[in-house]
Amino acid sequence: MTTPSRLPDPYGQGSGANLADILERVLDKGVVIAGDIRINLLDIELLTIKLRLVVASVDKAKEMGIDWWESDPALSSGARRDELARENAELRERLARLEELVPRRAEEQLEQRRAEEETP
C-alpha cells in the first residue's frame, strides 16, 4: 500500500516565519523606504516629490531621535496644554502693554483738547 505524497503548503508554513515574527523584526530593527518622483516636460523639471517612510516601533523611533508626535498638539494632550499656556502668556503680555497705552493716550488726548480750548 502506498501513502499519498504530501504536497507543499502553499503558504510556506515550513519556513518557520509567520506574519507576527516578521512584524516584530521590522518594528524592532526599523525599515526605511525612500523614493523620489520627478515630473519633467521637455527636460524642464516641473515637480519633484521626495518620499521617506520609516516603519519602526515607538521605542526604536525615539532611539533614532524621532519624537514629533510628542510635540504635535493634534496628537498629544501635553503639547496641546503647552501650546495653550504659551498662547495665554502671549495674550496676557499684549493685554498688559495695551493697558499701559490706554491711560497715556487718554491723558495725551485730554491735554490736546485743553490746549485747543485755551487757544482762541
PDB file of N, CA and C in Angstrom:
ATOM      1  N   MET A   1       0.836  -1.159   0.000  1.00  0.00           N
ATOM      2  CA  MET A   1       0.000   0.000   0.000  1.00  0.00           C
ATOM      3  C   MET A   1       0.889   1.231   0.000  1.00  0.00           C
ATOM      4  N   THR A   2       0.556   2.161  -0.867  1.00  0.00           N
ATOM      5  CA  THR A   2       1.353   3.382  -0.974  1.00  0.00           C
ATOM      6  C   THR A   2       0.648   4.506  -0.225  1.00  0.00           C
ATOM      7  N   THR A   3       1.442   5.354   0.341  1.00  0.00           N
ATOM      8  CA  THR A   3       0.866   6.510   1.053  1.00  0.00           C
ATOM      9  C   THR A   3       0.850   7.690   0.107  1.00  0.00           C
ATOM     10  N   PRO A   4      -0.165   8.492   0.208  1.00  0.00           N
ATOM     11  CA  PRO A   4      -0.219   9.651  -0.683  1.00  0.00           C
ATOM     12  C   PRO A   4       0.919  10.614  -0.349  1.00  0.00           C
ATOM     13  N   SER A   5       1.503  11.174  -1.384  1.00  0.00           N
ATOM     14  CA  SER A   5       2.611  12.107  -1.160  1.00  0.00           C
ATOM     15  C   SER A   5       2.061  13.433  -0.627  1.00  0.00           C
ATOM     16  N   ARG A   6       2.841  14.014   0.197  1.00  0.00           N
ATOM     17  CA  ARG A   6       2.436  15.273   0.817  1.00  0.00           C
ATOM     18  C   ARG A   6       2.808  16.430  -0.107  1.00  0.00           C
ATOM     19  N   LEU A   7       1.855  17.250  -0.453  1.00  0.00           N
ATOM     20  CA  LEU A   7       2.120  18.417  -1.283  1.00  0.00           C
ATOM     21  C   LEU A   7       2.583  19.567  -0.389  1.00  0.00           C
ATOM     22  N   PRO A   8       3.470  20.409  -0.890  1.00  0.00           N
ATOM     23  CA  PRO A   8       3.926  21.535  -0.072  1.00  0.00           C
ATOM     24  C   PRO A   8       2.782  22.505   0.220  1.00  0.00           C
ATOM     25  N   ASP A   9       2.822  23.061   1.399  1.00  0.00           N
ATOM     26  CA  ASP A   9       1.807  24.020   1.817  1.00  0.00           C
ATOM     27  C   ASP A   9       1.966  25.300   0.996  1.00  0.00           C
ATOM     28  N   PRO A  10       0.912  25.805   0.385  1.00  0.00           N
ATOM     29  CA  PRO A  10       1.047  26.988  -0.462  1.00  0.00           C
ATOM     30  C   PRO A  10       1.411  28.253   0.318  1.00  0.00           C
ATOM     31  N   TYR A  11       1.246  28.249   1.631  1.00  0.00           N
ATOM     32  CA  TYR A  11       1.533  29.442   2.424  1.00  0.00           C
ATOM     33  C   TYR A  11       2.914  29.421   3.044  1.00  0.00           C
ATOM     34  N   GLY A  12       3.713  28.464   2.714  1.00  0.00           N
ATOM     35  CA  GLY A  12       5.089  28.433   3.188  1.00  0.00           C
ATOM     36  C   GLY A  12       5.214  28.212   4.679  1.00  0.00           C
ATOM     37  N   GLN A  13       4.422  27.330   5.233  1.00  0.00           N
ATOM     38  CA  GLN A  13       4.455  27.091   6.664  1.00  0.00           C
ATOM     39  C   GLN A  13       5.787  26.506   7.096  1.00  0.00           C
ATOM     40  N   GLY A  14       6.470  25.851   6.203  1.00  0.00           N
ATOM     41  CA  GLY A  14       7.741  25.237   6.539  1.00  0.00           C
ATOM     42  C   GLY A  14       8.849  26.240   6.802  1.00  0.00           C
ATOM     43  N   SER A  15       8.671  27.486   6.395  1.00  0.00           N
ATOM     44  CA  SER A  15       9.729  28.475   6.576  1.00  0.00           C
ATOM     45  C   SER A  15       9.904  28.865   8.033  1.00  0.00           C
ATOM     46  N   GLY A  16       8.918  28.695   8.846  1.00  0.00           N
ATOM     47  CA  GLY A  16       9.045  28.970  10.269  1.00  0.00           C
ATOM     48  C   GLY A  16       8.778  30.414  10.645  1.00  0.00           C
ATOM     49  N   ALA A  17       8.606  31.290   9.679  1.00  0.00           N
ATOM     50  CA  ALA A  17       8.347  32.697   9.995  1.00  0.00           C
ATOM     51  C   ALA A  17       6.911  33.028   9.634  1.00  0.00           C
ATOM     52  N   ASN A  18       6.181  33.500  10.586  1.00  0.00           N
ATOM     53  CA  ASN A  18       4.822  33.931  10.276  1.00  0.00           C
ATOM     54  C   ASN A  18       4.766  35.458  10.304  1.00  0.00           C
ATOM     55  N   LEU A  19       3.630  36.000  10.045  1.00  0.00           N
ATOM     56  CA  LEU A  19       3.477  37.447   9.941  1.00  0.00           C
ATOM     57  C   LEU A  19       3.857  38.154  11.237  1.00  0.00           C
ATOM     58  N   ALA A  20       3.502  37.586  12.367  1.00  0.00           N
ATOM     59  CA  ALA A  20       3.829  38.209  13.657  1.00  0.00           C
ATOM     60  C   ALA A  20       5.337  38.289  13.852  1.00  0.00           C
ATOM     61  N   ASP A  21       6.063  37.230  13.471  1.00  0.00           N
ATOM     62  CA  ASP A  21       7.525  37.247  13.601  1.00  0.00           C
ATOM     63  C   ASP A  21       8.142  38.317  12.699  1.00  0.00           C
ATOM     64  N   ILE A  22       7.656  38.393  11.482  1.00  0.00           N
ATOM     65  CA  ILE A  22       8.184  39.377  10.537  1.00  0.00           C
ATOM     66  C   ILE A  22       7.903  40.791  11.036  1.00  0.00           C
ATOM     67  N   LEU A  23       6.685  41.024  11.503  1.00  0.00           N
ATOM     68  CA  LEU A  23       6.326  42.341  12.021  1.00  0.00           C
ATOM     69  C   LEU A  23       7.169  42.705  13.236  1.00  0.00           C
ATOM     70  N   GLU A  24       7.411  41.755  14.107  1.00  0.00           N
ATOM     71  CA  GLU A  24       8.250  42.009  15.281  1.00  0.00           C
ATOM     72  C   GLU A  24       9.666  42.396  14.866  1.00  0.00           C
ATOM     73  N   ARG A  25      10.207  41.708  13.889  1.00  0.00           N
ATOM     74  CA  ARG A  25      11.561  42.026  13.405  1.00  0.00           C
ATOM     75  C   ARG A  25      11.614  43.416  12.774  1.00  0.00           C
ATOM     76  N   VAL A  26      10.614  43.721  11.957  1.00  0.00           N
ATOM     77  CA  VAL A  26      10.588  45.020  11.284  1.00  0.00           C
ATOM     78  C   VAL A  26      10.491  46.147  12.309  1.00  0.00           C
ATOM     79  N   LEU A  27       9.600  46.008  13.290  1.00  0.00           N
ATOM     80  CA  LEU A  27       9.437  47.058  14.289  1.00  0.00           C
ATOM     81  C   LEU A  27      10.656  47.171  15.187  1.00  0.00           C
ATOM     82  N   ASP A  28      11.319  46.055  15.454  1.00  0.00           N
ATOM     83  CA  ASP A  28      12.497  46.069  16.316  1.00  0.00           C
ATOM     84  C   ASP A  28      13.684  46.731  15.626  1.00  0.00           C
ATOM     85  N   LYS A  29      13.890  46.422  14.368  1.00  0.00           N
ATOM     86  CA  LYS A  29      15.044  46.957  13.634  1.00  0.00           C
ATOM     87  C   LYS A  29      14.725  48.277  12.944  1.00  0.00           C
ATOM     88  N   GLY A  30      13.519  48.402  12.430  1.00  0.00           N
ATOM     89  CA  GLY A  30      13.142  49.587  11.671  1.00  0.00           C
ATOM     90  C   GLY A  30      13.441  49.395  10.194  1.00  0.00           C
ATOM     91  N   VAL A  31      12.595  49.973   9.365  1.00  0.00           N
ATOM     92  CA  VAL A  31      12.762  49.895   7.917  1.00  0.00           C
ATOM     93  C   VAL A  31      12.580  51.301   7.352  1.00  0.00           C
ATOM     94  N   VAL A  32      13.451  51.678   6.436  1.00  0.00           N
ATOM     95  CA  VAL A  32      13.341  52.972   5.764  1.00  0.00           C
ATOM     96  C   VAL A  32      13.085  52.709   4.288  1.00  0.00           C
ATOM     97  N   ILE A  33      12.053  53.338   3.779  1.00  0.00           N
ATOM     98  CA  ILE A  33      11.727  53.241   2.358  1.00  0.00           C
ATOM     99  C   ILE A  33      11.805  54.660   1.803  1.00  0.00           C
ATOM    100  N   ALA A  34      12.605  54.855   0.777  1.00  0.00           N
ATOM    101  CA  ALA A  34      12.798  56.190   0.213  1.00  0.00           C
ATOM    102  C   ALA A  34      12.587  56.143  -1.292  1.00  0.00           C
ATOM    103  N   GLY A  35      12.045  57.215  -1.816  1.00  0.00           N
ATOM    104  CA  GLY A  35      11.850  57.298  -3.257  1.00  0.00           C
ATOM    105  C   GLY A  35      11.594  58.728  -3.679  1.00  0.00           C
ATOM    106  N   ASP A  36      11.886  59.013  -4.918  1.00  0.00           N
ATOM    107  CA  ASP A  36      11.664  60.342  -5.478  1.00  0.00           C
ATOM    108  C   ASP A  36      10.782  60.217  -6.710  1.00  0.00           C
ATOM    109  N   ILE A  37       9.885  61.162  -6.859  1.00  0.00           N
ATOM    110  CA  ILE A  37       9.040  61.234  -8.047  1.00  0.00           C
ATOM    111  C   ILE A  37       9.359  62.559  -8.727  1.00  0.00           C
ATOM    112  N   ARG A  38       9.729  62.494  -9.990  1.00  0.00           N
ATOM    113  CA  ARG A  38      10.036  63.710 -10.745  1.00  0.00           C
ATOM    114  C   ARG A  38       9.179  63.751 -11.995  1.00  0.00           C
ATOM    115  N   ILE A  39       8.641  64.911 -12.244  1.00  0.00           N
ATOM    116  CA  ILE A  39       7.846  65.111 -13.454  1.00  0.00           C
ATOM    117  C   ILE A  39       8.558  66.163 -14.296  1.00  0.00           C
ATOM    118  N   ASN A  40       8.975  65.746 -15.483  1.00  0.00           N
ATOM    119  CA  ASN A  40       9.681  66.635 -16.408  1.00  0.00           C
ATOM    120  C   ASN A  40       8.876  66.768 -17.691  1.00  0.00           C
ATOM    121  N   LEU A  41       8.978  67.925 -18.294  1.00  0.00           N
ATOM    122  CA  LEU A  41       8.368  68.158 -19.593  1.00  0.00           C
ATOM    123  C   LEU A  41       9.409  68.845 -20.456  1.00  0.00           C
ATOM    124  N   LEU A  42       9.858  68.161 -21.507  1.00  0.00           N
ATOM    125  CA  LEU A  42      10.893  68.673 -22.401  1.00  0.00           C
ATOM    126  C   LEU A  42      12.140  69.087 -21.625  1.00  0.00           C
ATOM    127  N   ASP A  43      12.607  68.210 -20.772  1.00  0.00           N
ATOM    128  CA  ASP A  43      13.800  68.424 -19.942  1.00  0.00           C
ATOM    129  C   ASP A  43      13.675  69.606 -18.978  1.00  0.00           C
ATOM    130  N   ILE A  44      12.458  70.000 -18.668  1.00  0.00           N
ATOM    131  CA  ILE A  44      12.219  71.040 -17.660  1.00  0.00           C
ATOM    132  C   ILE A  44      11.538  70.367 -16.476  1.00  0.00           C
ATOM    133  N   GLU A  45      12.172  70.485 -15.333  1.00  0.00           N
ATOM    134  CA  GLU A  45      11.620  69.840 -14.143  1.00  0.00           C
ATOM    135  C   GLU A  45      10.430  70.643 -13.634  1.00  0.00           C
ATOM    136  N   LEU A  46       9.264  70.016 -13.639  1.00  0.00           N
ATOM    137  CA  LEU A  46       8.051  70.688 -13.192  1.00  0.00           C
ATOM    138  C   LEU A  46       7.751  70.419 -11.726  1.00  0.00           C
ATOM    139  N   LEU A  47       8.042  69.198 -11.275  1.00  0.00           N
ATOM    140  CA  LEU A  47       7.671  68.808  -9.917  1.00  0.00           C
ATOM    141  C   LEU A  47       8.608  67.723  -9.422  1.00  0.00           C
ATOM    142  N   THR A  48       9.033  67.842  -8.177  1.00  0.00           N
ATOM    143  CA  THR A  48       9.816  66.795  -7.529  1.00  0.00           C
ATOM    144  C   THR A  48       9.182  66.514  -6.178  1.00  0.00           C
ATOM    145  N   ILE A  49       8.881  65.267  -5.932  1.00  0.00           N
ATOM    146  CA  ILE A  49       8.327  64.842  -4.646  1.00  0.00           C
ATOM    147  C   ILE A  49       9.288  63.829  -4.051  1.00  0.00           C
ATOM    148  N   LYS A  50       9.765  64.116  -2.849  1.00  0.00           N
ATOM    149  CA  LYS A  50      10.668  63.198  -2.160  1.00  0.00           C
ATOM    150  C   LYS A  50       9.877  62.486  -1.075  1.00  0.00           C
ATOM    151  N   LEU A  51       9.831  61.184  -1.164  1.00  0.00           N
ATOM    152  CA  LEU A  51       9.088  60.376  -0.198  1.00  0.00           C
ATOM    153  C   LEU A  51      10.056  59.650   0.719  1.00  0.00           C
ATOM    154  N   ARG A  52       9.799  59.721   2.014  1.00  0.00           N
ATOM    155  CA  ARG A  52      10.598  58.998   3.002  1.00  0.00           C
ATOM    156  C   ARG A  52       9.626  58.352   3.976  1.00  0.00           C
ATOM    157  N   LEU A  53       9.735  57.066   4.160  1.00  0.00           N
ATOM    158  CA  LEU A  53       8.852  56.324   5.054  1.00  0.00           C
ATOM    159  C   LEU A  53       9.699  55.534   6.026  1.00  0.00           C
ATOM    160  N   VAL A  54       9.442  55.713   7.316  1.00  0.00           N
ATOM    161  CA  VAL A  54      10.141  54.957   8.350  1.00  0.00           C
ATOM    162  C   VAL A  54       9.099  54.121   9.071  1.00  0.00           C
ATOM    163  N   VAL A  55       9.315  52.818   9.114  1.00  0.00           N
ATOM    164  CA  VAL A  55       8.444  51.911   9.853  1.00  0.00           C
ATOM    165  C   VAL A  55       9.262  51.353  10.998  1.00  0.00           C
ATOM    166  N   ALA A  56       8.864  51.696  12.227  1.00  0.00           N
ATOM    167  CA  ALA A  56       9.606  51.247  13.403  1.00  0.00           C
ATOM    168  C   ALA A  56       8.702  51.344  14.619  1.00  0.00           C
ATOM    169  N   SER A  57       9.108  50.699  15.693  1.00  0.00           N
ATOM    170  CA  SER A  57       8.364  50.813  16.942  1.00  0.00           C
ATOM    171  C   SER A  57       8.622  52.192  17.543  1.00  0.00           C
ATOM    172  N   VAL A  58       7.804  52.582  18.494  1.00  0.00           N
ATOM    173  CA  VAL A  58       7.970  53.883  19.145  1.00  0.00           C
ATOM    174  C   VAL A  58       9.323  53.950  19.841  1.00  0.00           C
ATOM    175  N   ASP A  59       9.708  52.879  20.514  1.00  0.00           N
ATOM    176  CA  ASP A  59      11.000  52.864  21.206  1.00  0.00           C
ATOM    177  C   ASP A  59      12.156  53.038  20.230  1.00  0.00           C
ATOM    178  N   LYS A  60      12.105  52.327  19.111  1.00  0.00           N
ATOM    179  CA  LYS A  60      13.162  52.427  18.108  1.00  0.00           C
ATOM    180  C   LYS A  60      13.189  53.831  17.500  1.00  0.00           C
ATOM    181  N   ALA A  61      12.010  54.399  17.248  1.00  0.00           N
ATOM    182  CA  ALA A  61      11.948  55.751  16.692  1.00  0.00           C
ATOM    183  C   ALA A  61      12.571  56.754  17.660  1.00  0.00           C
ATOM    184  N   LYS A  62      12.285  56.604  18.952  1.00  0.00           N
ATOM    185  CA  LYS A  62      12.879  57.514  19.945  1.00  0.00           C
ATOM    186  C   LYS A  62      14.393  57.350  19.993  1.00  0.00           C
ATOM    187  N   GLU A  63      14.883  56.116  19.835  1.00  0.00           N
ATOM    188  CA  GLU A  63      16.335  55.886  19.779  1.00  0.00           C
ATOM    189  C   GLU A  63      16.951  56.648  18.610  1.00  0.00           C
ATOM    190  N   MET A  64      16.212  56.725  17.495  1.00  0.00           N
ATOM    191  CA  MET A  64      16.701  57.413  16.305  1.00  0.00           C
ATOM    192  C   MET A  64      16.502  58.920  16.393  1.00  0.00           C
ATOM    193  N   GLY A  65      15.872  59.390  17.462  1.00  0.00           N
ATOM    194  CA  GLY A  65      15.653  60.823  17.627  1.00  0.00           C
ATOM    195  C   GLY A  65      14.381  61.330  16.983  1.00  0.00           C
ATOM    196  N   ILE A  66      13.470  60.433  16.670  1.00  0.00           N
ATOM    197  CA  ILE A  66      12.204  60.823  16.055  1.00  0.00           C
ATOM    198  C   ILE A  66      11.133  60.805  17.144  1.00  0.00           C
ATOM    199  N   ASP A  67      10.611  61.983  17.489  1.00  0.00           N
ATOM    200  CA  ASP A  67       9.572  62.048  18.521  1.00  0.00           C
ATOM    201  C   ASP A  67       8.593  63.196  18.256  1.00  0.00           C
ATOM    202  N   TRP A  68       8.309  63.445  16.998  1.00  0.00           N
ATOM    203  CA  TRP A  68       7.461  64.568  16.617  1.00  0.00           C
ATOM    204  C   TRP A  68       6.060  64.458  17.185  1.00  0.00           C
ATOM    205  N   TRP A  69       5.562  63.275  17.447  1.00  0.00           N
ATOM    206  CA  TRP A  69       4.199  63.099  17.944  1.00  0.00           C
ATOM    207  C   TRP A  69       4.048  63.631  19.368  1.00  0.00           C
ATOM    208  N   GLU A  70       5.168  63.773  20.096  1.00  0.00           N
ATOM    209  CA  GLU A  70       5.091  64.283  21.464  1.00  0.00           C
ATOM    210  C   GLU A  70       4.860  65.788  21.496  1.00  0.00           C
ATOM    211  N   SER A  71       5.270  66.494  20.445  1.00  0.00           N
ATOM    212  CA  SER A  71       5.109  67.948  20.418  1.00  0.00           C
ATOM    213  C   SER A  71       4.011  68.405  19.462  1.00  0.00           C
ATOM    214  N   ASP A  72       3.302  67.484  18.848  1.00  0.00           N
ATOM    215  CA  ASP A  72       2.220  67.827  17.930  1.00  0.00           C
ATOM    216  C   ASP A  72       0.923  67.991  18.725  1.00  0.00           C
ATOM    217  N   PRO A  73       0.334  69.200  18.749  1.00  0.00           N
ATOM    218  CA  PRO A  73      -0.876  69.418  19.541  1.00  0.00           C
ATOM    219  C   PRO A  73      -2.051  68.539  19.121  1.00  0.00           C
ATOM    220  N   ALA A  74      -2.076  68.110  17.880  1.00  0.00           N
ATOM    221  CA  ALA A  74      -3.172  67.261  17.418  1.00  0.00           C
ATOM    222  C   ALA A  74      -3.056  65.841  17.956  1.00  0.00           C
ATOM    223  N   LEU A  75      -1.858  65.444  18.377  1.00  0.00           N
ATOM    224  CA  LEU A  75      -1.638  64.068  18.811  1.00  0.00           C
ATOM    225  C   LEU A  75      -1.331  63.925  20.295  1.00  0.00           C
ATOM    226  N   SER A  76      -0.942  65.009  20.955  1.00  0.00           N
ATOM    227  CA  SER A  76      -0.503  64.920  22.347  1.00  0.00           C
ATOM    228  C   SER A  76      -1.246  65.938  23.201  1.00  0.00           C
ATOM    229  N   SER A  77      -1.881  65.464  24.270  1.00  0.00           N
ATOM    230  CA  SER A  77      -2.593  66.387  25.152  1.00  0.00           C
ATOM    231  C   SER A  77      -1.613  67.290  25.890  1.00  0.00           C
ATOM    232  N   GLY A  78      -0.422  66.794  26.203  1.00  0.00           N
ATOM    233  CA  GLY A  78       0.597  67.613  26.862  1.00  0.00           C
ATOM    234  C   GLY A  78       1.041  68.756  25.971  1.00  0.00           C
ATOM    235  N   ALA A  79       1.240  68.465  24.690  1.00  0.00           N
ATOM    236  CA  ALA A  79       1.642  69.505  23.741  1.00  0.00           C
ATOM    237  C   ALA A  79       0.524  70.526  23.574  1.00  0.00           C
ATOM    238  N   ARG A  80      -0.726  70.056  23.598  1.00  0.00           N
ATOM    239  CA  ARG A  80      -1.868  70.957  23.481  1.00  0.00           C
ATOM    240  C   ARG A  80      -1.900  71.919  24.671  1.00  0.00           C
ATOM    241  N   ARG A  81      -1.667  71.378  25.885  1.00  0.00           N
ATOM    242  CA  ARG A  81      -1.642  72.229  27.084  1.00  0.00           C
ATOM    243  C   ARG A  81      -0.501  73.233  27.010  1.00  0.00           C
ATOM    244  N   ASP A  82       0.667  72.775  26.560  1.00  0.00           N
ATOM    245  CA  ASP A  82       1.820  73.676  26.444  1.00  0.00           C
ATOM    246  C   ASP A  82       1.535  74.808  25.461  1.00  0.00           C
ATOM    247  N   GLU A  83       0.908  74.464  24.345  1.00  0.00           N
ATOM    248  CA  GLU A  83       0.595  75.479  23.341  1.00  0.00           C
ATOM    249  C   GLU A  83      -0.410  76.488  23.893  1.00  0.00           C
ATOM    250  N   LEU A  84      -1.423  76.007  24.615  1.00  0.00           N
ATOM    251  CA  LEU A  84      -2.403  76.916  25.205  1.00  0.00           C
ATOM    252  C   LEU A  84      -1.768  77.811  26.263  1.00  0.00           C
ATOM    253  N   ALA A  85      -0.881  77.257  27.073  1.00  0.00           N
ATOM    254  CA  ALA A  85      -0.202  78.055  28.099  1.00  0.00           C
ATOM    255  C   ALA A  85       0.664  79.135  27.454  1.00  0.00           C
ATOM    256  N   ARG A  86       1.367  78.781  26.380  1.00  0.00           N
ATOM    257  CA  ARG A  86       2.206  79.752  25.675  1.00  0.00           C
ATOM    258  C   ARG A  86       1.337  80.862  25.058  1.00  0.00           C
ATOM    259  N   GLU A  87       0.228  80.461  24.448  1.00  0.00           N
ATOM    260  CA  GLU A  87      -0.671  81.441  23.844  1.00  0.00           C
ATOM    261  C   GLU A  87      -1.271  82.357  24.913  1.00  0.00           C
ATOM    262  N   ASN A  88      -1.654  81.797  26.060  1.00  0.00           N
ATOM    263  CA  ASN A  88      -2.200  82.616  27.148  1.00  0.00           C
ATOM    264  C   ASN A  88      -1.170  83.610  27.660  1.00  0.00           C
ATOM    265  N   ALA A  89       0.074  83.184  27.792  1.00  0.00           N
ATOM    266  CA  ALA A  89       1.137  84.083  28.255  1.00  0.00           C
ATOM    267  C   ALA A  89       1.334  85.233  27.267  1.00  0.00           C
ATOM    268  N   GLU A  90       1.326  84.922  25.966  1.00  0.00           N
ATOM    269  CA  GLU A  90       1.471  85.968  24.947  1.00  0.00           C
ATOM    270  C   GLU A  90       0.307  86.958  25.003  1.00  0.00           C
ATOM    271  N   LEU A  91      -0.909  86.429  25.168  1.00  0.00           N
ATOM    272  CA  LEU A  91      -2.078  87.307  25.222  1.00  0.00           C
ATOM    273  C   LEU A  91      -2.063  88.185  26.468  1.00  0.00           C
ATOM    274  N   ARG A  92      -1.640  87.638  27.592  1.00  0.00           N
ATOM    275  CA  ARG A  92      -1.547  88.439  28.821  1.00  0.00           C
ATOM    276  C   ARG A  92      -0.519  89.560  28.668  1.00  0.00           C
ATOM    277  N   GLU A  93       0.592  89.243  28.010  1.00  0.00           N
ATOM    278  CA  GLU A  93       1.626  90.255  27.779  1.00  0.00           C
ATOM    279  C   GLU A  93       1.099  91.378  26.882  1.00  0.00           C
ATOM    280  N   ARG A  94       0.397  91.007  25.819  1.00  0.00           N
ATOM    281  CA  ARG A  94      -0.179  92.012  24.923  1.00  0.00           C
ATOM    282  C   ARG A  94      -1.215  92.866  25.646  1.00  0.00           C
ATOM    283  N   LEU A  95      -2.036  92.230  26.474  1.00  0.00           N
ATOM    284  CA  LEU A  95      -3.052  92.955  27.226  1.00  0.00           C
ATOM    285  C   LEU A  95      -2.409  93.949  28.190  1.00  0.00           C
ATOM    286  N   ALA A  96      -1.344  93.543  28.853  1.00  0.00           N
ATOM    287  CA  ALA A  96      -0.645  94.440  29.780  1.00  0.00           C
ATOM    288  C   ALA A  96      -0.086  95.651  29.036  1.00  0.00           C
ATOM    289  N   ARG A  97       0.488  95.426  27.843  1.00  0.00           N
ATOM    290  CA  ARG A  97       1.012  96.550  27.061  1.00  0.00           C
ATOM    291  C   ARG A  97      -0.106  97.499  26.637  1.00  0.00           C
ATOM    292  N   LEU A  98      -1.246  96.924  26.234  1.00  0.00           N
ATOM    293  CA  LEU A  98      -2.382  97.767  25.839  1.00  0.00           C
ATOM    294  C   LEU A  98      -2.919  98.556  27.026  1.00  0.00           C
ATOM    295  N   GLU A  99      -2.981  97.924  28.182  1.00  0.00           N
ATOM    296  CA  GLU A  99      -3.469  98.622  29.374  1.00  0.00           C
ATOM    297  C   GLU A  99      -2.535  99.756  29.773  1.00  0.00           C
ATOM    298  N   GLU A 100      -1.256  99.623  29.479  1.00  0.00           N
ATOM    299  CA  GLU A 100      -0.318 100.720  29.739  1.00  0.00           C
ATOM    300  C   GLU A 100      -0.532 101.865  28.756  1.00  0.00           C
ATOM    301  N   LEU A 101      -0.855 101.532  27.514  1.00  0.00           N
ATOM    302  CA  LEU A 101      -1.023 102.556  26.482  1.00  0.00           C
ATOM    303  C   LEU A 101      -2.297 103.377  26.655  1.00  0.00           C
ATOM    304  N   VAL A 102      -3.363 102.757  27.095  1.00  0.00           N
ATOM    305  CA  VAL A 102      -4.661 103.438  27.160  1.00  0.00           C
ATOM    306  C   VAL A 102      -4.615 104.673  28.062  1.00  0.00           C
ATOM    307  N   PRO A 103      -4.127 104.601  29.300  1.00  0.00           N
ATOM    308  CA  PRO A 103      -4.097 105.823  30.126  1.00  0.00           C
ATOM    309  C   PRO A 103      -3.210 106.914  29.529  1.00  0.00           C
ATOM    310  N   ARG A 104      -2.089 106.537  28.944  1.00  0.00           N
ATOM    311  CA  ARG A 104      -1.202 107.533  28.330  1.00  0.00           C
ATOM    312  C   ARG A 104      -1.898 108.241  27.177  1.00  0.00           C
ATOM    313  N   ARG A 105      -2.531 107.461  26.319  1.00  0.00           N
ATOM    314  CA  ARG A 105      -3.233 108.051  25.168  1.00  0.00           C
ATOM    315  C   ARG A 105      -4.383 108.943  25.638  1.00  0.00           C
ATOM    316  N   ALA A 106      -5.104 108.475  26.643  1.00  0.00           N
ATOM    317  CA  ALA A 106      -6.226 109.275  27.149  1.00  0.00           C
ATOM    318  C   ALA A 106      -5.715 110.593  27.720  1.00  0.00           C
ATOM    319  N   GLU A 107      -4.601 110.518  28.435  1.00  0.00           N
ATOM    320  CA  GLU A 107      -4.019 111.734  29.006  1.00  0.00           C
ATOM    321  C   GLU A 107      -3.536 112.673  27.906  1.00  0.00           C
ATOM    322  N   GLU A 108      -2.913 112.139  26.871  1.00  0.00           N
ATOM    323  CA  GLU A 108      -2.441 112.959  25.752  1.00  0.00           C
ATOM    324  C   GLU A 108      -3.609 113.648  25.053  1.00  0.00           C
ATOM    325  N   GLN A 109      -4.696 112.901  24.834  1.00  0.00           N
ATOM    326  CA  GLN A 109      -5.862 113.486  24.167  1.00  0.00           C
ATOM    327  C   GLN A 109      -6.503 114.572  25.033  1.00  0.00           C
ATOM    328  N   LEU A 110      -6.539 114.331  26.347  1.00  0.00           N
ATOM    329  CA  LEU A 110      -7.103 115.327  27.252  1.00  0.00           C
ATOM    330  C   LEU A 110      -6.278 116.611  27.229  1.00  0.00           C
ATOM    331  N   GLU A 111      -4.963 116.477  27.251  1.00  0.00           N
ATOM    332  CA  GLU A 111      -4.088 117.650  27.188  1.00  0.00           C
ATOM    333  C   GLU A 111      -4.254 118.386  25.864  1.00  0.00           C
ATOM    334  N   GLN A 112      -4.412 117.627  24.781  1.00  0.00           N
ATOM    335  CA  GLN A 112      -4.581 118.241  23.464  1.00  0.00           C
ATOM    336  C   GLN A 112      -5.893 119.026  23.411  1.00  0.00           C
ATOM    337  N   ARG A 113      -6.958 118.473  23.973  1.00  0.00           N
ATOM    338  CA  ARG A 113      -8.250 119.175  23.982  1.00  0.00           C
ATOM    339  C   ARG A 113      -8.172 120.460  24.820  1.00  0.00           C
ATOM    340  N   ARG A 114      -7.491 120.365  25.963  1.00  0.00           N
ATOM    341  CA  ARG A 114      -7.340 121.554  26.815  1.00  0.00           C
ATOM    342  C   ARG A 114      -6.568 122.645  26.070  1.00  0.00           C
ATOM    343  N   ALA A 115      -5.517 122.204  25.362  1.00  0.00           N
ATOM    344  CA  ALA A 115      -4.719 123.181  24.610  1.00  0.00           C
ATOM    345  C   ALA A 115      -5.549 123.808  23.500  1.00  0.00           C
ATOM    346  N   GLU A 116      -6.405 123.018  22.849  1.00  0.00           N
ATOM    347  CA  GLU A 116      -7.259 123.546  21.782  1.00  0.00           C
ATOM    348  C   GLU A 116      -8.294 124.507  22.348  1.00  0.00           C
ATOM    349  N   GLU A 117      -8.820 124.202  23.534  1.00  0.00           N
ATOM    350  CA  GLU A 117      -9.827 125.066  24.147  1.00  0.00           C
ATOM    351  C   GLU A 117      -9.222 126.392  24.591  1.00  0.00           C
ATOM    352  N   GLU A 118      -7.973 126.373  25.045  1.00  0.00           N
ATOM    353  CA  GLU A 118      -7.315 127.588  25.510  1.00  0.00           C
ATOM    354  C   GLU A 118      -6.941 128.505  24.354  1.00  0.00           C
ATOM    355  N   THR A 119      -6.677 127.918  23.208  1.00  0.00           N
ATOM    356  CA  THR A 119      -6.292 128.713  22.051  1.00  0.00           C
ATOM    357  C   THR A 119      -7.556 129.277  21.418  1.00  0.00           C
ATOM    358  N   PRO A 120      -7.621 130.640  21.360  1.00  0.00           N
ATOM    359  CA  PRO A 120      -8.833 131.249  20.771  1.00  0.00           C
ATOM    360  C   PRO A 120      -8.860 131.165  19.268  1.00  0.00           C
TER     361      PRO A 120
END
